[in-house]
Amino acid sequence: PSGETVTQTFDLSECPFKELSSDVDYSSNSFAIKLPLAKTTIKFKILNGNDEKQIESDLKAIAKINPKVIPELTTRLKYSIIEVDGSVEKDTISNFVDNMLSRDSFFLRQEIQRIAPDIDLSQEIEVGGESVKVAIPMTVNFFWPQS
């Protein structure tokens, strides 16, 4: 039935690693891409645990000011993008993200997802006699639960 809560235990050791893209240089955490619509060349990085903590902190601060608008996507992109057309200035990056076309944003997010090292966090579980593929909710709160 809809809305039913099911408790499930997952064995994370059974989750396979995602295959790294062979066309990507992983020697540094800096990746260049030219956006299809804006024709802007940007460099971005894969976020790490410290970035995730800072994003969470920023989002909490923003929520205190305006709880109706939580700009998680733009905040994440502001941490991911490290250079816009040669400029590493935070104001330039922030302004670029705030005015980024949605199709360019989607293109960038797809590229980040494509190249990011990851683990396949989906597993099959039984729900009401049916086998369903679900994603294990692996967020910052998984590692640092709120009390």
C-alpha atoms as a PDB file:
ATOM      1  CA  PRO A   1       0.000   0.000   0.000  1.00  0.00           C
ATOM      2  CA  SER A   2       1.021   3.564  -0.673  1.00  0.00           C
ATOM      3  CA  GLY A   3       2.699   5.404   2.207  1.00  0.00           C
ATOM      4  CA  GLU A   4       3.725   2.190   3.949  1.00  0.00           C
ATOM      5  CA  THR A   5       7.061   2.315   5.781  1.00  0.00           C
ATOM      6  CA  VAL A   6       9.418  -0.620   5.309  1.00  0.00           C
ATOM      7  CA  THR A   7      12.622  -1.127   7.299  1.00  0.00           C
ATOM      8  CA  GLN A   8      15.435  -2.671   5.273  1.00  0.00           C
ATOM      9  CA  THR A   9      19.030  -3.582   6.090  1.00  0.00           C
ATOM     10  CA  PHE A  10      21.611  -3.153   3.323  1.00  0.00           C
ATOM     11  CA  ASP A  11      25.045  -4.706   3.076  1.00  0.00           C
ATOM     12  CA  LEU A  12      27.185  -1.912   1.633  1.00  0.00           C
ATOM     13  CA  SER A  13      29.960  -4.381   0.794  1.00  0.00           C
ATOM     14  CA  GLU A  14      27.629  -5.804  -1.882  1.00  0.00           C
ATOM     15  CA  CYS A  15      27.455  -2.452  -3.725  1.00  0.00           C
ATOM     16  CA  PRO A  16      29.734  -2.427  -6.790  1.00  0.00           C
ATOM     17  CA  PHE A  17      32.068   0.475  -7.661  1.00  0.00           C
ATOM     18  CA  LYS A  18      31.177   2.525 -10.721  1.00  0.00           C
ATOM     19  CA  GLU A  19      33.625   2.106 -13.600  1.00  0.00           C
ATOM     20  CA  LEU A  20      35.757   5.268 -14.050  1.00  0.00           C
ATOM     21  CA  SER A  21      35.531   7.016 -17.409  1.00  0.00           C
ATOM     22  CA  SER A  22      38.553   6.140 -19.552  1.00  0.00           C
ATOM     23  CA  ASP A  23      38.471   9.523 -21.350  1.00  0.00           C
ATOM     24  CA  VAL A  24      39.051  11.538 -18.142  1.00  0.00           C
ATOM     25  CA  ASP A  25      42.361  12.599 -16.575  1.00  0.00           C
ATOM     26  CA  TYR A  26      41.939  11.956 -12.838  1.00  0.00           C
ATOM     27  CA  SER A  27      45.453  13.134 -11.886  1.00  0.00           C
ATOM     28  CA  SER A  28      44.003  16.270 -10.261  1.00  0.00           C
ATOM     29  CA  ASN A  29      40.570  17.275  -9.050  1.00  0.00           C
ATOM     30  CA  SER A  30      40.094  19.783 -11.860  1.00  0.00           C
ATOM     31  CA  PHE A  31      38.044  19.086 -14.981  1.00  0.00           C
ATOM     32  CA  ALA A  32      37.387  21.451 -17.908  1.00  0.00           C
ATOM     33  CA  ILE A  33      34.212  21.599 -19.970  1.00  0.00           C
ATOM     34  CA  LYS A  34      32.694  23.973 -22.503  1.00  0.00           C
ATOM     35  CA  LEU A  35      29.010  24.609 -21.879  1.00  0.00           C
ATOM     36  CA  PRO A  36      26.872  24.022 -24.987  1.00  0.00           C
ATOM     37  CA  LEU A  37      24.665  27.137 -24.868  1.00  0.00           C
ATOM     38  CA  ALA A  38      26.732  29.800 -23.101  1.00  0.00           C
ATOM     39  CA  LYS A  39      29.904  28.559 -24.880  1.00  0.00           C
ATOM     40  CA  THR A  40      31.689  29.344 -21.601  1.00  0.00           C
ATOM     41  CA  THR A  41      34.658  27.204 -20.580  1.00  0.00           C
ATOM     42  CA  ILE A  42      34.549  26.270 -16.932  1.00  0.00           C
ATOM     43  CA  LYS A  43      36.645  24.142 -14.636  1.00  0.00           C
ATOM     44  CA  PHE A  44      35.005  22.169 -11.879  1.00  0.00           C
ATOM     45  CA  LYS A  45      35.942  19.752  -9.147  1.00  0.00           C
ATOM     46  CA  ILE A  46      34.347  16.731  -7.547  1.00  0.00           C
ATOM     47  CA  LEU A  47      33.071  17.732  -4.104  1.00  0.00           C
ATOM     48  CA  ASN A  48      34.646  16.147  -1.029  1.00  0.00           C
ATOM     49  CA  GLY A  49      33.459  15.662   2.552  1.00  0.00           C
ATOM     50  CA  ASN A  50      34.659  19.092   3.673  1.00  0.00           C
ATOM     51  CA  ASP A  51      32.774  20.719   0.780  1.00  0.00           C
ATOM     52  CA  GLU A  52      29.639  18.778   1.722  1.00  0.00           C
ATOM     53  CA  LYS A  53      29.848  19.981   5.343  1.00  0.00           C
ATOM     54  CA  GLN A  54      30.291  23.592   4.201  1.00  0.00           C
ATOM     55  CA  ILE A  55      27.363  23.314   1.773  1.00  0.00           C
ATOM     56  CA  GLU A  56      25.177  21.912   4.565  1.00  0.00           C
ATOM     57  CA  SER A  57      26.233  24.800   6.819  1.00  0.00           C
ATOM     58  CA  ASP A  58      25.541  27.383   4.096  1.00  0.00           C
ATOM     59  CA  LEU A  59      22.115  25.909   3.378  1.00  0.00           C
ATOM     60  CA  LYS A  60      21.190  26.017   7.082  1.00  0.00           C
ATOM     61  CA  ALA A  61      22.247  29.683   7.246  1.00  0.00           C
ATOM     62  CA  ILE A  62      20.218  30.515   4.129  1.00  0.00           C
ATOM     63  CA  ALA A  63      17.187  28.676   5.558  1.00  0.00           C
ATOM     64  CA  LYS A  64      17.293  30.879   8.656  1.00  0.00           C
ATOM     65  CA  ILE A  65      17.118  33.981   6.465  1.00  0.00           C
ATOM     66  CA  ASN A  66      14.513  32.691   4.011  1.00  0.00           C
ATOM     67  CA  PRO A  67      13.057  29.246   4.816  1.00  0.00           C
ATOM     68  CA  LYS A  68      10.901  29.301   1.646  1.00  0.00           C
ATOM     69  CA  VAL A  69      13.886  29.284  -0.742  1.00  0.00           C
ATOM     70  CA  ILE A  70      16.619  26.677  -0.258  1.00  0.00           C
ATOM     71  CA  PRO A  71      19.027  27.005  -3.233  1.00  0.00           C
ATOM     72  CA  GLU A  72      20.739  23.632  -2.867  1.00  0.00           C
ATOM     73  CA  LEU A  73      21.510  23.205  -6.564  1.00  0.00           C
ATOM     74  CA  THR A  74      23.106  26.620  -7.050  1.00  0.00           C
ATOM     75  CA  THR A  75      24.997  26.342  -3.760  1.00  0.00           C
ATOM     76  CA  ARG A  76      26.436  22.982  -4.845  1.00  0.00           C
ATOM     77  CA  LEU A  77      27.432  24.368  -8.247  1.00  0.00           C
ATOM     78  CA  LYS A  78      29.160  27.347  -6.602  1.00  0.00           C
ATOM     79  CA  TYR A  79      31.332  24.880  -4.681  1.00  0.00           C
ATOM     80  CA  SER A  80      31.889  22.612  -7.711  1.00  0.00           C
ATOM     81  CA  ILE A  81      32.890  25.304 -10.208  1.00  0.00           C
ATOM     82  CA  ILE A  82      36.430  26.546  -9.601  1.00  0.00           C
ATOM     83  CA  GLU A  83      36.966  28.659 -12.733  1.00  0.00           C
ATOM     84  CA  VAL A  84      34.833  30.506 -15.321  1.00  0.00           C
ATOM     85  CA  ASP A  85      36.566  31.528 -18.561  1.00  0.00           C
ATOM     86  CA  GLY A  86      39.900  31.753 -16.728  1.00  0.00           C
ATOM     87  CA  SER A  87      38.596  33.620 -13.660  1.00  0.00           C
ATOM     88  CA  VAL A  88      38.836  31.990 -10.224  1.00  0.00           C
ATOM     89  CA  GLU A  89      37.155  34.940  -8.430  1.00  0.00           C
ATOM     90  CA  LYS A  90      34.350  33.769  -6.110  1.00  0.00           C
ATOM     91  CA  ASP A  91      32.111  36.710  -7.151  1.00  0.00           C
ATOM     92  CA  THR A  92      32.528  35.835 -10.848  1.00  0.00           C
ATOM     93  CA  ILE A  93      31.693  32.175 -10.194  1.00  0.00           C
ATOM     94  CA  SER A  94      28.724  33.052  -7.980  1.00  0.00           C
ATOM     95  CA  ASN A  95      27.306  35.512 -10.520  1.00  0.00           C
ATOM     96  CA  PHE A  96      27.826  32.982 -13.327  1.00  0.00           C
ATOM     97  CA  VAL A  97      25.966  30.246 -11.411  1.00  0.00           C
ATOM     98  CA  ASP A  98      23.127  32.619 -10.452  1.00  0.00           C
ATOM     99  CA  ASN A  99      22.617  33.426 -14.160  1.00  0.00           C
ATOM    100  CA  MET A 100      23.387  30.003 -15.619  1.00  0.00           C
ATOM    101  CA  LEU A 101      20.979  28.658 -18.213  1.00  0.00           C
ATOM    102  CA  SER A 102      19.124  25.576 -17.004  1.00  0.00           C
ATOM    103  CA  ARG A 103      20.256  23.471 -19.981  1.00  0.00           C
ATOM    104  CA  ASP A 104      23.920  24.367 -19.281  1.00  0.00           C
ATOM    105  CA  SER A 105      23.396  23.539 -15.598  1.00  0.00           C
ATOM    106  CA  PHE A 106      21.875  20.186 -16.543  1.00  0.00           C
ATOM    107  CA  PHE A 107      24.750  19.487 -18.977  1.00  0.00           C
ATOM    108  CA  LEU A 108      27.322  20.235 -16.251  1.00  0.00           C
ATOM    109  CA  ARG A 109      25.532  18.108 -13.641  1.00  0.00           C
ATOM    110  CA  GLN A 110      25.364  15.196 -16.085  1.00  0.00           C
ATOM    111  CA  GLU A 111      29.116  15.504 -16.729  1.00  0.00           C
ATOM    112  CA  ILE A 112      29.877  15.617 -12.998  1.00  0.00           C
ATOM    113  CA  GLN A 113      27.758  12.511 -12.464  1.00  0.00           C
ATOM    114  CA  ARG A 114      29.386  10.762 -15.443  1.00  0.00           C
ATOM    115  CA  ILE A 115      32.972  11.234 -14.261  1.00  0.00           C
ATOM    116  CA  ALA A 116      32.575  11.150 -10.471  1.00  0.00           C
ATOM    117  CA  PRO A 117      33.918   8.042  -8.744  1.00  0.00           C
ATOM    118  CA  ASP A 118      30.960   6.410  -7.086  1.00  0.00           C
ATOM    119  CA  ILE A 119      29.340   3.271  -5.787  1.00  0.00           C
ATOM    120  CA  ASP A 120      26.104   1.838  -7.202  1.00  0.00           C
ATOM    121  CA  LEU A 121      23.831   2.294  -4.209  1.00  0.00           C
ATOM    122  CA  SER A 122      20.787   0.555  -5.621  1.00  0.00           C
ATOM    123  CA  GLN A 123      19.642  -2.834  -4.438  1.00  0.00           C
ATOM    124  CA  GLU A 124      16.666  -5.097  -4.957  1.00  0.00           C
ATOM    125  CA  ILE A 125      14.308  -5.484  -1.998  1.00  0.00           C
ATOM    126  CA  GLU A 126      10.992  -7.244  -1.451  1.00  0.00           C
ATOM    127  CA  VAL A 127       7.994  -4.970  -0.860  1.00  0.00           C
ATOM    128  CA  GLY A 128       4.553  -6.512  -0.667  1.00  0.00           C
ATOM    129  CA  GLY A 129       5.670  -9.621  -2.539  1.00  0.00           C
ATOM    130  CA  GLU A 130       7.257  -7.598  -5.364  1.00  0.00           C
ATOM    131  CA  SER A 131      10.945  -7.116  -6.054  1.00  0.00           C
ATOM    132  CA  VAL A 132      11.719  -3.401  -6.237  1.00  0.00           C
ATOM    133  CA  LYS A 133      15.013  -1.665  -7.027  1.00  0.00           C
ATOM    134  CA  VAL A 134      15.681   1.117  -4.510  1.00  0.00           C
ATOM    135  CA  ALA A 135      18.538   3.530  -3.916  1.00  0.00           C
ATOM    136  CA  ILE A 136      20.214   3.495  -0.524  1.00  0.00           C
ATOM    137  CA  PRO A 137      19.844   7.054   0.837  1.00  0.00           C
ATOM    138  CA  MET A 138      23.527   7.983   1.182  1.00  0.00           C
ATOM    139  CA  THR A 139      23.620  11.635   2.182  1.00  0.00           C
ATOM    140  CA  VAL A 140      25.757  13.627   4.605  1.00  0.00           C
ATOM    141  CA  ASN A 141      23.245  12.652   7.306  1.00  0.00           C
ATOM    142  CA  PHE A 142      24.127   8.991   6.732  1.00  0.00           C
ATOM    143  CA  PHE A 143      27.637   9.661   8.041  1.00  0.00           C
ATOM    144  CA  TRP A 144      26.786  12.440  10.496  1.00  0.00           C
ATOM    145  CA  PRO A 145      23.203  11.792  11.668  1.00  0.00           C
ATOM    146  CA  GLN A 146      21.366  14.665  13.227  1.00  0.00           C
ATOM    147  CA  SER A 147      20.453  13.970  16.830  1.00  0.00           C
END
